[in-house]
PDB file of N, CA and C in Angstrom:
ATOM      1  N   MET A   1      27.237 168.793 -46.050  1.00  0.00           N
ATOM      2  CA  MET A   1      25.926 169.214 -46.716  1.00  0.00           C
ATOM      3  C   MET A   1      26.212 170.226 -47.493  1.00  0.00           C
ATOM      4  N   VAL A   2      26.841 170.889 -48.292  1.00  0.00           N
ATOM      5  CA  VAL A   2      27.174 172.105 -49.064  1.00  0.00           C
ATOM      6  C   VAL A   2      26.672 173.229 -48.254  1.00  0.00           C
ATOM      7  N   ALA A   3      27.328 174.372 -48.095  1.00  0.00           N
ATOM      8  CA  ALA A   3      26.664 175.600 -47.522  1.00  0.00           C
ATOM      9  C   ALA A   3      26.053 176.112 -48.275  1.00  0.00           C
ATOM     10  N   GLY A   4      24.596 176.447 -47.666  1.00  0.00           N
ATOM     11  CA  GLY A   4      22.911 177.573 -48.315  1.00  0.00           C
ATOM     12  C   GLY A   4      22.374 176.528 -49.149  1.00  0.00           C
ATOM     13  N   LYS A   5      23.166 175.671 -49.277  1.00  0.00           N
ATOM     14  CA  LYS A   5      22.075 174.698 -50.099  1.00  0.00           C
ATOM     15  C   LYS A   5      20.244 173.708 -49.607  1.00  0.00           C
ATOM     16  N   ILE A   6      19.658 174.331 -49.355  1.00  0.00           N
ATOM     17  CA  ILE A   6      18.219 173.582 -49.474  1.00  0.00           C
ATOM     18  C   ILE A   6      17.897 172.254 -49.397  1.00  0.00           C
ATOM     19  N   ARG A   7      18.021 170.792 -48.614  1.00  0.00           N
ATOM     20  CA  ARG A   7      17.078 170.055 -49.523  1.00  0.00           C
ATOM     21  C   ARG A   7      15.949 169.649 -48.597  1.00  0.00           C
ATOM     22  N   SER A   8      15.191 169.005 -49.581  1.00  0.00           N
ATOM     23  CA  SER A   8      13.980 168.269 -49.224  1.00  0.00           C
ATOM     24  C   SER A   8      14.183 167.408 -48.271  1.00  0.00           C
ATOM     25  N   THR A   9      13.066 166.781 -47.669  1.00  0.00           N
ATOM     26  CA  THR A   9      12.930 166.002 -47.052  1.00  0.00           C
ATOM     27  C   THR A   9      12.585 164.626 -47.515  1.00  0.00           C
ATOM     28  N   VAL A  10      13.496 163.554 -47.180  1.00  0.00           N
ATOM     29  CA  VAL A  10      13.542 162.473 -47.825  1.00  0.00           C
ATOM     30  C   VAL A  10      13.131 161.053 -46.440  1.00  0.00           C
ATOM     31  N   GLU A  11      12.242 159.979 -47.557  1.00  0.00           N
ATOM     32  CA  GLU A  11      12.241 159.007 -46.647  1.00  0.00           C
ATOM     33  C   GLU A  11      12.929 158.815 -46.095  1.00  0.00           C
ATOM     34  N   ILE A  12      12.608 157.657 -44.913  1.00  0.00           N
ATOM     35  CA  ILE A  12      13.670 156.579 -44.526  1.00  0.00           C
ATOM     36  C   ILE A  12      13.971 155.308 -44.879  1.00  0.00           C
ATOM     37  N   GLY A  13      14.826 154.181 -45.172  1.00  0.00           N
ATOM     38  CA  GLY A  13      14.354 153.629 -45.769  1.00  0.00           C
ATOM     39  C   GLY A  13      14.259 153.506 -47.521  1.00  0.00           C
ATOM     40  N   THR A  14      14.549 154.066 -47.707  1.00  0.00           N
ATOM     41  CA  THR A  14      13.789 154.288 -49.868  1.00  0.00           C
ATOM     42  C   THR A  14      14.990 154.613 -50.751  1.00  0.00           C
ATOM     43  N   LYS A  15      15.115 154.388 -51.761  1.00  0.00           N
ATOM     44  CA  LYS A  15      16.281 154.390 -52.710  1.00  0.00           C
ATOM     45  C   LYS A  15      16.528 155.900 -52.743  1.00  0.00           C
ATOM     46  N   GLU A  16      15.662 157.174 -52.433  1.00  0.00           N
ATOM     47  CA  GLU A  16      16.242 158.163 -52.805  1.00  0.00           C
ATOM     48  C   GLU A  16      16.986 158.609 -51.307  1.00  0.00           C
ATOM     49  N   SER A  17      16.867 157.635 -50.570  1.00  0.00           N
ATOM     50  CA  SER A  17      17.306 158.382 -48.598  1.00  0.00           C
ATOM     51  C   SER A  17      19.473 157.377 -49.178  1.00  0.00           C
ATOM     52  N   ALA A  18      18.988 155.952 -50.455  1.00  0.00           N
ATOM     53  CA  ALA A  18      20.698 155.642 -49.950  1.00  0.00           C
ATOM     54  C   ALA A  18      20.835 156.346 -51.169  1.00  0.00           C
ATOM     55  N   LEU A  19      20.698 157.439 -52.501  1.00  0.00           N
ATOM     56  CA  LEU A  19      21.080 157.981 -53.077  1.00  0.00           C
ATOM     57  C   LEU A  19      21.523 159.626 -52.350  1.00  0.00           C
ATOM     58  N   CYS A  20      20.484 159.745 -51.637  1.00  0.00           N
ATOM     59  CA  CYS A  20      21.682 160.483 -49.934  1.00  0.00           C
ATOM     60  C   CYS A  20      22.516 160.223 -49.521  1.00  0.00           C
ATOM     61  N   THR A  21      21.983 159.266 -49.194  1.00  0.00           N
ATOM     62  CA  THR A  21      24.112 158.960 -48.472  1.00  0.00           C
ATOM     63  C   THR A  21      24.923 158.515 -49.702  1.00  0.00           C
ATOM     64  N   LEU A  22      24.582 158.453 -50.667  1.00  0.00           N
ATOM     65  CA  LEU A  22      25.585 157.912 -51.123  1.00  0.00           C
ATOM     66  C   LEU A  22      26.318 159.598 -51.899  1.00  0.00           C
ATOM     67  N   GLU A  23      25.481 160.163 -52.456  1.00  0.00           N
ATOM     68  CA  GLU A  23      25.644 161.982 -52.327  1.00  0.00           C
ATOM     69  C   GLU A  23      27.093 162.331 -50.652  1.00  0.00           C
ATOM     70  N   ASN A  24      26.074 161.577 -49.809  1.00  0.00           N
ATOM     71  CA  ASN A  24      27.045 162.912 -48.613  1.00  0.00           C
ATOM     72  C   ASN A  24      28.384 161.199 -48.350  1.00  0.00           C
ATOM     73  N   ILE A  25      28.288 160.352 -48.369  1.00  0.00           N
ATOM     74  CA  ILE A  25      30.005 159.360 -48.433  1.00  0.00           C
ATOM     75  C   ILE A  25      30.133 160.059 -49.382  1.00  0.00           C
ATOM     76  N   ASN A  26      30.027 160.648 -51.087  1.00  0.00           N
ATOM     77  CA  ASN A  26      31.263 161.473 -51.805  1.00  0.00           C
ATOM     78  C   ASN A  26      31.804 162.426 -51.590  1.00  0.00           C
ATOM     79  N   GLN A  27      30.981 163.203 -50.255  1.00  0.00           N
ATOM     80  CA  GLN A  27      31.013 164.312 -49.929  1.00  0.00           C
ATOM     81  C   GLN A  27      32.028 164.207 -48.614  1.00  0.00           C
ATOM     82  N   ALA A  28      31.951 163.139 -48.039  1.00  0.00           N
ATOM     83  CA  ALA A  28      32.978 162.603 -47.218  1.00  0.00           C
ATOM     84  C   ALA A  28      33.930 162.131 -47.437  1.00  0.00           C
ATOM     85  N   ILE A  29      33.770 161.574 -48.200  1.00  0.00           N
ATOM     86  CA  ILE A  29      35.627 160.925 -48.486  1.00  0.00           C
ATOM     87  C   ILE A  29      36.601 162.419 -49.726  1.00  0.00           C
ATOM     88  N   LYS A  30      35.710 163.122 -49.912  1.00  0.00           N
ATOM     89  CA  LYS A  30      36.224 164.228 -50.792  1.00  0.00           C
ATOM     90  C   LYS A  30      37.045 164.867 -49.561  1.00  0.00           C
ATOM     91  N   GLY A  31      36.041 164.947 -48.399  1.00  0.00           N
ATOM     92  CA  GLY A  31      36.650 165.889 -46.612  1.00  0.00           C
ATOM     93  C   GLY A  31      38.025 165.045 -46.808  1.00  0.00           C
ATOM     94  N   LEU A  32      37.829 163.748 -46.360  1.00  0.00           N
ATOM     95  CA  LEU A  32      39.032 162.816 -46.173  1.00  0.00           C
ATOM     96  C   LEU A  32      39.725 163.012 -46.492  1.00  0.00           C
ATOM     97  N   LYS A  33      40.518 163.210 -48.336  1.00  0.00           N
ATOM     98  CA  LYS A  33      41.223 163.278 -48.722  1.00  0.00           C
ATOM     99  C   LYS A  33      42.184 164.519 -49.236  1.00  0.00           C
ATOM    100  N   GLU A  34      41.234 165.674 -48.983  1.00  0.00           N
ATOM    101  CA  GLU A  34      41.803 166.494 -48.917  1.00  0.00           C
ATOM    102  C   GLU A  34      42.765 166.855 -46.912  1.00  0.00           C
ATOM    103  N   VAL A  35      42.396 166.359 -46.098  1.00  0.00           N
ATOM    104  CA  VAL A  35      42.887 166.534 -44.901  1.00  0.00           C
ATOM    105  C   VAL A  35      44.034 165.174 -44.926  1.00  0.00           C
ATOM    106  N   ARG A  36      44.068 164.320 -45.851  1.00  0.00           N
ATOM    107  CA  ARG A  36      45.461 163.145 -45.778  1.00  0.00           C
ATOM    108  C   ARG A  36      46.522 164.043 -46.160  1.00  0.00           C
ATOM    109  N   LYS A  37      45.931 164.703 -47.221  1.00  0.00           N
ATOM    110  CA  LYS A  37      46.931 165.384 -47.852  1.00  0.00           C
ATOM    111  C   LYS A  37      47.498 166.262 -46.276  1.00  0.00           C
ATOM    112  N   HIS A  38      47.571 166.597 -45.628  1.00  0.00           N
ATOM    113  CA  HIS A  38      48.148 167.127 -44.664  1.00  0.00           C
ATOM    114  C   HIS A  38      48.481 166.613 -43.157  1.00  0.00           C
ATOM    115  N   VAL A  39      48.391 165.441 -43.651  1.00  0.00           N
ATOM    116  CA  VAL A  39      48.952 164.332 -42.306  1.00  0.00           C
ATOM    117  C   VAL A  39      50.044 163.809 -42.291  1.00  0.00           C
ATOM    118  N   ARG A  40      50.435 162.974 -42.097  1.00  0.00           N
ATOM    119  CA  ARG A  40      51.397 161.352 -41.661  1.00  0.00           C
ATOM    120  C   ARG A  40      51.690 160.503 -41.736  1.00  0.00           C
ATOM    121  N   GLY A  41      51.725 159.209 -41.750  1.00  0.00           N
ATOM    122  CA  GLY A  41      52.820 158.069 -41.164  1.00  0.00           C
ATOM    123  C   GLY A  41      50.493 157.454 -40.570  1.00  0.00           C
ATOM    124  N   ASP A  42      50.877 156.687 -39.319  1.00  0.00           N
ATOM    125  CA  ASP A  42      49.475 156.531 -38.955  1.00  0.00           C
ATOM    126  C   ASP A  42      48.028 156.844 -39.259  1.00  0.00           C
ATOM    127  N   HIS A  43      48.599 158.528 -39.344  1.00  0.00           N
ATOM    128  CA  HIS A  43      46.813 159.297 -39.324  1.00  0.00           C
ATOM    129  C   HIS A  43      46.196 159.190 -40.820  1.00  0.00           C
ATOM    130  N   LYS A  44      47.866 158.968 -42.092  1.00  0.00           N
ATOM    131  CA  LYS A  44      47.132 158.719 -43.332  1.00  0.00           C
ATOM    132  C   LYS A  44      46.574 157.540 -43.555  1.00  0.00           C
ATOM    133  N   ARG A  45      46.835 156.040 -43.237  1.00  0.00           N
ATOM    134  CA  ARG A  45      46.158 154.688 -42.347  1.00  0.00           C
ATOM    135  C   ARG A  45      44.963 154.622 -42.506  1.00  0.00           C
ATOM    136  N   THR A  46      44.693 155.399 -41.071  1.00  0.00           N
ATOM    137  CA  THR A  46      43.508 155.628 -40.536  1.00  0.00           C
ATOM    138  C   THR A  46      42.639 156.483 -41.247  1.00  0.00           C
ATOM    139  N   ILE A  47      42.768 157.523 -42.013  1.00  0.00           N
ATOM    140  CA  ILE A  47      41.957 157.709 -43.315  1.00  0.00           C
ATOM    141  C   ILE A  47      41.885 157.124 -44.601  1.00  0.00           C
ATOM    142  N   ASP A  48      42.879 156.510 -44.870  1.00  0.00           N
ATOM    143  CA  ASP A  48      42.766 155.144 -46.013  1.00  0.00           C
ATOM    144  C   ASP A  48      41.330 154.476 -45.279  1.00  0.00           C
ATOM    145  N   ASP A  49      41.295 153.847 -44.003  1.00  0.00           N
ATOM    146  CA  ASP A  49      40.671 152.439 -43.325  1.00  0.00           C
ATOM    147  C   ASP A  49      39.153 153.180 -43.298  1.00  0.00           C
ATOM    148  N   ALA A  50      39.170 154.946 -42.997  1.00  0.00           N
ATOM    149  CA  ALA A  50      38.131 155.247 -42.769  1.00  0.00           C
ATOM    150  C   ALA A  50      37.484 155.345 -44.337  1.00  0.00           C
ATOM    151  N   ILE A  51      38.338 155.788 -45.199  1.00  0.00           N
ATOM    152  CA  ILE A  51      37.828 155.960 -46.933  1.00  0.00           C
ATOM    153  C   ILE A  51      37.036 154.414 -47.205  1.00  0.00           C
ATOM    154  N   THR A  52      37.880 153.290 -46.953  1.00  0.00           N
ATOM    155  CA  THR A  52      37.629 151.792 -47.543  1.00  0.00           C
ATOM    156  C   THR A  52      35.935 151.685 -46.841  1.00  0.00           C
ATOM    157  N   VAL A  53      36.106 151.874 -45.190  1.00  0.00           N
ATOM    158  CA  VAL A  53      34.389 151.578 -45.188  1.00  0.00           C
ATOM    159  C   VAL A  53      33.620 152.351 -45.602  1.00  0.00           C
ATOM    160  N   TYR A  54      33.945 153.629 -45.438  1.00  0.00           N
ATOM    161  CA  TYR A  54      32.717 154.981 -46.535  1.00  0.00           C
ATOM    162  C   TYR A  54      32.332 154.040 -48.252  1.00  0.00           C
ATOM    163  N   ARG A  55      33.332 152.937 -48.219  1.00  0.00           N
ATOM    164  CA  ARG A  55      33.342 152.647 -50.129  1.00  0.00           C
ATOM    165  C   ARG A  55      31.943 151.148 -50.002  1.00  0.00           C
ATOM    166  N   ILE A  56      32.730 150.875 -49.067  1.00  0.00           N
ATOM    167  CA  ILE A  56      31.693 149.890 -48.507  1.00  0.00           C
ATOM    168  C   ILE A  56      29.851 149.650 -48.109  1.00  0.00           C
ATOM    169  N   ILE A  57      30.188 151.163 -47.176  1.00  0.00           N
ATOM    170  CA  ILE A  57      29.482 151.172 -47.196  1.00  0.00           C
ATOM    171  C   ILE A  57      27.904 151.669 -48.309  1.00  0.00           C
ATOM    172  N   ALA A  58      29.332 152.609 -49.665  1.00  0.00           N
ATOM    173  CA  ALA A  58      28.015 153.006 -49.880  1.00  0.00           C
ATOM    174  C   ALA A  58      27.949 151.567 -51.593  1.00  0.00           C
ATOM    175  N   PHE A  59      29.015 150.602 -51.355  1.00  0.00           N
ATOM    176  CA  PHE A  59      28.672 149.384 -52.820  1.00  0.00           C
ATOM    177  C   PHE A  59      27.293 148.804 -52.129  1.00  0.00           C
ATOM    178  N   GLU A  60      27.161 149.011 -50.180  1.00  0.00           N
ATOM    179  CA  GLU A  60      26.185 147.752 -49.697  1.00  0.00           C
ATOM    180  C   GLU A  60      24.597 149.233 -49.932  1.00  0.00           C
ATOM    181  N   ALA A  61      24.535 150.356 -50.053  1.00  0.00           N
ATOM    182  CA  ALA A  61      23.876 151.191 -50.138  1.00  0.00           C
ATOM    183  C   ALA A  61      22.836 150.684 -52.070  1.00  0.00           C
ATOM    184  N   MET A  62      24.284 150.832 -52.681  1.00  0.00           N
ATOM    185  CA  MET A  62      23.645 149.990 -54.117  1.00  0.00           C
ATOM    186  C   MET A  62      22.922 149.044 -54.623  1.00  0.00           C
ATOM    187  N   LYS A  63      23.664 148.249 -53.902  1.00  0.00           N
ATOM    188  CA  LYS A  63      23.465 147.271 -53.651  1.00  0.00           C
ATOM    189  C   LYS A  63      21.847 147.011 -53.184  1.00  0.00           C
ATOM    190  N   THR A  64      21.626 146.777 -52.307  1.00  0.00           N
ATOM    191  CA  THR A  64      20.281 147.043 -51.318  1.00  0.00           C
ATOM    192  C   THR A  64      19.424 147.756 -51.854  1.00  0.00           C
ATOM    193  N   TYR A  65      19.377 148.829 -52.888  1.00  0.00           N
ATOM    194  CA  TYR A  65      18.252 149.132 -53.264  1.00  0.00           C
ATOM    195  C   TYR A  65      18.612 149.353 -55.135  1.00  0.00           C
ATOM    196  N   ALA A  66      19.362 148.465 -55.463  1.00  0.00           N
ATOM    197  CA  ALA A  66      19.357 147.971 -56.981  1.00  0.00           C
ATOM    198  C   ALA A  66      19.919 149.259 -57.237  1.00  0.00           C
ATOM    199  N   ILE A  67      20.940 150.178 -57.162  1.00  0.00           N
ATOM    200  CA  ILE A  67      20.994 151.821 -57.871  1.00  0.00           C
ATOM    201  C   ILE A  67      22.520 151.147 -59.208  1.00  0.00           C
ATOM    202  N   SER A  68      22.420 151.436 -59.996  1.00  0.00           N
ATOM    203  CA  SER A  68      23.168 151.605 -60.885  1.00  0.00           C
ATOM    204  C   SER A  68      24.490 152.454 -60.589  1.00  0.00           C
ATOM    205  N   ARG A  69      25.210 152.264 -61.179  1.00  0.00           N
ATOM    206  CA  ARG A  69      26.533 153.091 -61.143  1.00  0.00           C
ATOM    207  C   ARG A  69      26.021 154.132 -61.780  1.00  0.00           C
ATOM    208  N   ASP A  70      26.036 153.816 -62.512  1.00  0.00           N
ATOM    209  CA  ASP A  70      25.308 155.132 -63.746  1.00  0.00           C
ATOM    210  C   ASP A  70      24.231 155.866 -63.196  1.00  0.00           C
ATOM    211  N   GLU A  71      23.590 155.477 -62.469  1.00  0.00           N
ATOM    212  CA  GLU A  71      22.739 156.190 -61.281  1.00  0.00           C
ATOM    213  C   GLU A  71      22.718 157.224 -60.705  1.00  0.00           C
ATOM    214  N   ALA A  72      23.902 156.438 -59.806  1.00  0.00           N
ATOM    215  CA  ALA A  72      24.445 157.435 -58.920  1.00  0.00           C
ATOM    216  C   ALA A  72      25.182 158.137 -59.479  1.00  0.00           C
ATOM    217  N   GLN A  73      26.136 157.948 -60.413  1.00  0.00           N
ATOM    218  CA  GLN A  73      27.039 159.161 -61.040  1.00  0.00           C
ATOM    219  C   GLN A  73      25.770 160.214 -61.368  1.00  0.00           C
ATOM    220  N   GLU A  74      24.614 160.272 -61.903  1.00  0.00           N
ATOM    221  CA  GLU A  74      23.763 160.695 -62.129  1.00  0.00           C
ATOM    222  C   GLU A  74      23.260 161.952 -61.276  1.00  0.00           C
ATOM    223  N   VAL A  75      22.879 161.311 -60.168  1.00  0.00           N
ATOM    224  CA  VAL A  75      22.898 162.419 -58.701  1.00  0.00           C
ATOM    225  C   VAL A  75      23.676 162.653 -58.957  1.00  0.00           C
ATOM    226  N   LEU A  76      25.457 162.322 -58.416  1.00  0.00           N
ATOM    227  CA  LEU A  76      26.394 162.780 -58.159  1.00  0.00           C
ATOM    228  C   LEU A  76      26.901 164.187 -59.403  1.00  0.00           C
ATOM    229  N   ARG A  77      26.918 163.644 -60.254  1.00  0.00           N
ATOM    230  CA  ARG A  77      27.035 165.022 -61.635  1.00  0.00           C
ATOM    231  C   ARG A  77      25.893 166.186 -61.066  1.00  0.00           C
ATOM    232  N   LYS A  78      24.852 165.919 -60.416  1.00  0.00           N
ATOM    233  CA  LYS A  78      23.886 166.761 -60.726  1.00  0.00           C
ATOM    234  C   LYS A  78      23.813 167.492 -59.322  1.00  0.00           C
ATOM    235  N   GLY A  79      24.472 167.196 -58.394  1.00  0.00           N
ATOM    236  CA  GLY A  79      24.859 167.680 -56.947  1.00  0.00           C
ATOM    237  C   GLY A  79      23.317 167.558 -56.130  1.00  0.00           C
ATOM    238  N   GLY A  80      23.350 165.847 -56.022  1.00  0.00           N
ATOM    239  CA  GLY A  80      22.214 165.729 -55.620  1.00  0.00           C
ATOM    240  C   GLY A  80      20.615 165.980 -55.873  1.00  0.00           C
ATOM    241  N   PHE A  81      19.299 166.018 -55.326  1.00  0.00           N
ATOM    242  CA  PHE A  81      18.079 165.981 -55.422  1.00  0.00           C
ATOM    243  C   PHE A  81      17.605 167.634 -55.527  1.00  0.00           C
TER     244      PHE A  81
END
């Protein structure tokens, strides 16, 4: 969550909540990539594995709620809802 940004409440199990999940995953991956710059060896591989899991979760959310890549990118570009 971006500091100072207030988000509205979203119903669980909806397309809107899936889009929020995609936004949260995007932020988590950005954070992990930043941390990855400062670690070595097995720690990098562990971070890479975590990023892979996040991407799988994102793809499953997109598939489950029929979210197109364009729609997801638009939400991420806007910075959420």
